C-alpha atoms as a PDB file:
ATOM      1  CA  MET A   1       0.172   0.065  -0.059  1.00  0.00           C
ATOM      2  CA  ARG A   2       0.747   3.702  -1.166  1.00  0.00           C
ATOM      3  CA  THR A   3       1.688   6.032   1.728  1.00  0.00           C
ATOM      4  CA  PRO A   4       0.431   9.822   1.464  1.00  0.00           C
ATOM      5  CA  GLY A   5       2.698  11.995  -0.231  1.00  0.00           C
ATOM      6  CA  HIS A   6       4.675   9.592  -2.112  1.00  0.00           C
ATOM      7  CA  ALA A   7       4.905  10.637  -5.809  1.00  0.00           C
ATOM      8  CA  LYS A   8       5.531   9.790  -8.624  1.00  0.00           C
ATOM      9  CA  LYS A   9       8.960  10.287 -10.548  1.00  0.00           C
ATOM     10  CA  VAL A  10       8.620  12.215 -13.152  1.00  0.00           C
ATOM     11  CA  LYS A  11      11.109  11.411 -16.127  1.00  0.00           C
ATOM     12  CA  ASN A  12      12.562  13.483 -19.414  1.00  0.00           C
ATOM     13  CA  VAL A  13      11.057  17.128 -18.086  1.00  0.00           C
ATOM     14  CA  THR A  14      12.433  20.205 -17.464  1.00  0.00           C
ATOM     15  CA  ASN A  15      10.850  23.266 -15.997  1.00  0.00           C
ATOM     16  CA  ASP A  16      12.119  25.916 -17.966  1.00  0.00           C
ATOM     17  CA  VAL A  17      11.572  30.403 -17.155  1.00  0.00           C
ATOM     18  CA  ILE A  18      10.907  31.185 -20.611  1.00  0.00           C
ATOM     19  CA  ASP A  19       9.835  28.316 -22.316  1.00  0.00           C
ATOM     20  CA  GLY A  20       8.183  26.530 -18.966  1.00  0.00           C
ATOM     21  CA  LYS A  21       7.638  23.058 -18.508  1.00  0.00           C
ATOM     22  CA  ARG A  22       8.770  20.862 -21.232  1.00  0.00           C
ATOM     23  CA  GLY A  23       9.024  16.790 -21.398  1.00  0.00           C
ATOM     24  CA  MET A  24      10.356  14.378 -23.976  1.00  0.00           C
ATOM     25  CA  ILE A  25       8.529  11.869 -25.717  1.00  0.00           C
ATOM     26  CA  TYR A  26       9.670   8.498 -26.871  1.00  0.00           C
ATOM     27  CA  ILE A  27       8.623   7.364 -30.210  1.00  0.00           C
ATOM     28  CA  PRO A  28       9.416   3.543 -31.342  1.00  0.00           C
ATOM     29  CA  ASP A  29      11.181   2.960 -34.829  1.00  0.00           C
ATOM     30  CA  GLN A  30       8.713   1.537 -37.138  1.00  0.00           C
ATOM     31  CA  LYS A  31       9.426  -1.603 -38.801  1.00  0.00           C
ATOM     32  CA  ILE A  32       8.094  -0.481 -42.888  1.00  0.00           C
ATOM     33  CA  SER A  33       8.717  -3.980 -43.825  1.00  0.00           C
ATOM     34  CA  LYS A  34       5.996  -5.036 -41.069  1.00  0.00           C
ATOM     35  CA  LEU A  35       3.152  -2.460 -41.863  1.00  0.00           C
ATOM     36  CA  THR A  36       0.502  -3.705 -43.361  1.00  0.00           C
ATOM     37  CA  LEU A  37      -0.768  -2.112 -46.703  1.00  0.00           C
ATOM     38  CA  THR A  38      -4.193  -0.565 -46.756  1.00  0.00           C
ATOM     39  CA  LYS A  39      -6.961  -1.276 -49.511  1.00  0.00           C
ATOM     40  CA  ASP A  40      -6.221   2.136 -51.007  1.00  0.00           C
ATOM     41  CA  ILE A  41      -3.011   1.088 -52.551  1.00  0.00           C
ATOM     42  CA  LYS A  42      -1.088   4.367 -54.918  1.00  0.00           C
ATOM     43  CA  GLY A  43       0.432   1.408 -57.842  1.00  0.00           C
ATOM     44  CA  LEU A  44      -2.344  -0.606 -58.204  1.00  0.00           C
ATOM     45  CA  LYS A  45      -4.899   2.961 -59.263  1.00  0.00           C
ATOM     46  CA  GLN A  46      -1.275   3.561 -61.351  1.00  0.00           C
ATOM     47  CA  GLU A  47      -2.075   0.203 -63.443  1.00  0.00           C
ATOM     48  CA  ARG A  48      -5.648   0.239 -63.963  1.00  0.00           C
ATOM     49  CA  HIS A  49      -4.907   3.994 -65.190  1.00  0.00           C
ATOM     50  CA  ASP A  50      -2.596   2.519 -68.071  1.00  0.00           C
ATOM     51  CA  ALA A  51      -4.676  -0.804 -68.484  1.00  0.00           C
ATOM     52  CA  LYS A  52      -7.686   1.829 -69.006  1.00  0.00           C
ATOM     53  CA  LYS A  53      -5.371   4.592 -71.439  1.00  0.00           C
ATOM     54  CA  ASN A  54      -4.266   1.265 -73.640  1.00  0.00           C
ATOM     55  CA  LYS A  55      -7.660  -0.368 -73.888  1.00  0.00           C
ATOM     56  CA  GLY A  56      -6.263  -3.302 -72.159  1.00  0.00           C
ATOM     57  CA  HIS A  57      -8.645  -5.528 -69.231  1.00  0.00           C
ATOM     58  CA  SER A  58      -6.938  -4.167 -66.086  1.00  0.00           C
ATOM     59  CA  LYS A  59      -9.547  -7.038 -63.917  1.00  0.00           C
ATOM     60  CA  LYS A  60      -9.980 -10.649 -64.688  1.00  0.00           C
ATOM     61  CA  GLN A  61     -13.284 -10.867 -66.916  1.00  0.00           C
ATOM     62  CA  LYS A  62     -15.564 -13.511 -66.425  1.00  0.00           C
ATOM     63  CA  VAL A  63     -15.725 -16.164 -68.570  1.00  0.00           C
ATOM     64  CA  ASN A  64     -19.493 -17.581 -69.464  1.00  0.00           C
ATOM     65  CA  PRO A  65     -19.701 -21.257 -69.122  1.00  0.00           C
ATOM     66  CA  GLU A  66     -22.216 -21.426 -71.956  1.00  0.00           C
END
């Protein structure tokens, strides 16, 4: 049980006369290779645009079994 008056230590915070209270935050490095791609992919749009420009089909067409 904690006793009253025991304050938690404040880390990475400095007090300055001009700027006031300043603190540093930690942001870990992002692993780009492990990030998942969103559905809005720029390259996919470019492929569709190029196919439309060349009058080709960018998607697979359904084949009728008839």
